Amino acid sequence: MDKAKGRLKEITGKITGHERLEAEGKTDQMRGKIRRTVTNARHRAEGIRDSFRHDR
């Protein structure tokens, strides 16, 4: 969601010449990318943990 919202802000900022809005959009996109990466890492870690629990 952050990534899509950020992209929209960035495009709007570019069209209107509003540099702050454009920067906020880029920040929102990065925030979305970081959240996705952290969530994926957490799910992988949970999967590894579960595989060790089932092997016992």
C-alpha atoms as a PDB file:
ATOM      1  CA  MET A   1       0.000   0.000   0.000  1.00  0.00           C
ATOM      2  CA  ASP A   2       2.797   2.428   0.894  1.00  0.00           C
ATOM      3  CA  LYS A   3       4.494   1.729  -2.396  1.00  0.00           C
ATOM      4  CA  ALA A   4       1.400   2.539  -4.468  1.00  0.00           C
ATOM      5  CA  LYS A   5       0.598   5.625  -2.409  1.00  0.00           C
ATOM      6  CA  GLY A   6       4.210   6.754  -2.719  1.00  0.00           C
ATOM      7  CA  ARG A   7       4.241   6.308  -6.465  1.00  0.00           C
ATOM      8  CA  LEU A   8       1.085   8.397  -6.765  1.00  0.00           C
ATOM      9  CA  LYS A   9       2.589  11.154  -4.604  1.00  0.00           C
ATOM     10  CA  GLU A  10       5.805  11.110  -6.597  1.00  0.00           C
ATOM     11  CA  ILE A  11       4.002  11.414  -9.929  1.00  0.00           C
ATOM     12  CA  THR A  12       1.733  14.162  -8.599  1.00  0.00           C
ATOM     13  CA  GLY A  13       4.756  16.020  -7.251  1.00  0.00           C
ATOM     14  CA  LYS A  14       6.543  15.793 -10.602  1.00  0.00           C
ATOM     15  CA  ILE A  15       3.510  17.008 -12.536  1.00  0.00           C
ATOM     16  CA  THR A  16       2.828  19.940 -10.209  1.00  0.00           C
ATOM     17  CA  GLY A  17       6.484  20.788  -9.589  1.00  0.00           C
ATOM     18  CA  HIS A  18       6.024  20.209  -5.861  1.00  0.00           C
ATOM     19  CA  GLU A  19       9.422  18.868  -4.797  1.00  0.00           C
ATOM     20  CA  ARG A  20       8.390  18.071  -1.225  1.00  0.00           C
ATOM     21  CA  LEU A  21       5.473  15.909  -2.386  1.00  0.00           C
ATOM     22  CA  GLU A  22       7.760  14.131  -4.822  1.00  0.00           C
ATOM     23  CA  ALA A  23      10.268  13.446  -2.027  1.00  0.00           C
ATOM     24  CA  GLU A  24       7.510  12.184   0.270  1.00  0.00           C
ATOM     25  CA  GLY A  25       6.420   9.825  -2.482  1.00  0.00           C
ATOM     26  CA  LYS A  26       9.913   8.400  -2.834  1.00  0.00           C
ATOM     27  CA  THR A  27      10.111   7.986   0.947  1.00  0.00           C
ATOM     28  CA  ASP A  28       6.763   6.171   1.046  1.00  0.00           C
ATOM     29  CA  GLN A  29       7.899   3.839  -1.711  1.00  0.00           C
ATOM     30  CA  MET A  30      11.085   2.997   0.169  1.00  0.00           C
ATOM     31  CA  ARG A  31       9.083   2.418   3.358  1.00  0.00           C
ATOM     32  CA  GLY A  32       6.853  -0.033   1.492  1.00  0.00           C
ATOM     33  CA  LYS A  33       9.841  -1.853   0.060  1.00  0.00           C
ATOM     34  CA  ILE A  34      11.455  -2.155   3.504  1.00  0.00           C
ATOM     35  CA  ARG A  35       8.226  -3.435   5.077  1.00  0.00           C
ATOM     36  CA  ARG A  36       7.869  -6.068   2.369  1.00  0.00           C
ATOM     37  CA  THR A  37      11.477  -7.177   2.836  1.00  0.00           C
ATOM     38  CA  VAL A  38      11.107  -7.429   6.627  1.00  0.00           C
ATOM     39  CA  THR A  39       7.839  -9.344   6.313  1.00  0.00           C
ATOM     40  CA  ASN A  40       9.378 -11.795   3.845  1.00  0.00           C
ATOM     41  CA  ALA A  41      12.369 -12.341   6.125  1.00  0.00           C
ATOM     42  CA  ARG A  42      10.091 -12.916   9.102  1.00  0.00           C
ATOM     43  CA  HIS A  43       8.029 -15.480   7.177  1.00  0.00           C
ATOM     44  CA  ARG A  44      11.165 -17.296   6.065  1.00  0.00           C
ATOM     45  CA  ALA A  45      12.473 -17.379   9.625  1.00  0.00           C
ATOM     46  CA  GLU A  46       9.156 -18.752  10.875  1.00  0.00           C
ATOM     47  CA  GLY A  47       9.253 -21.423   8.175  1.00  0.00           C
ATOM     48  CA  ILE A  48      12.761 -22.458   9.163  1.00  0.00           C
ATOM     49  CA  ARG A  49      11.768 -22.527  12.835  1.00  0.00           C
ATOM     50  CA  ASP A  50       8.731 -24.664  12.041  1.00  0.00           C
ATOM     51  CA  SER A  51      10.790 -27.093   9.958  1.00  0.00           C
ATOM     52  CA  PHE A  52      13.119 -27.655  12.908  1.00  0.00           C
ATOM     53  CA  ARG A  53      10.174 -28.242  15.241  1.00  0.00           C
ATOM     54  CA  HIS A  54       8.663 -30.868  12.936  1.00  0.00           C
ATOM     55  CA  ASP A  55      11.955 -32.723  12.469  1.00  0.00           C
ATOM     56  CA  ARG A  56      12.255 -33.612  16.154  1.00  0.00           C
END
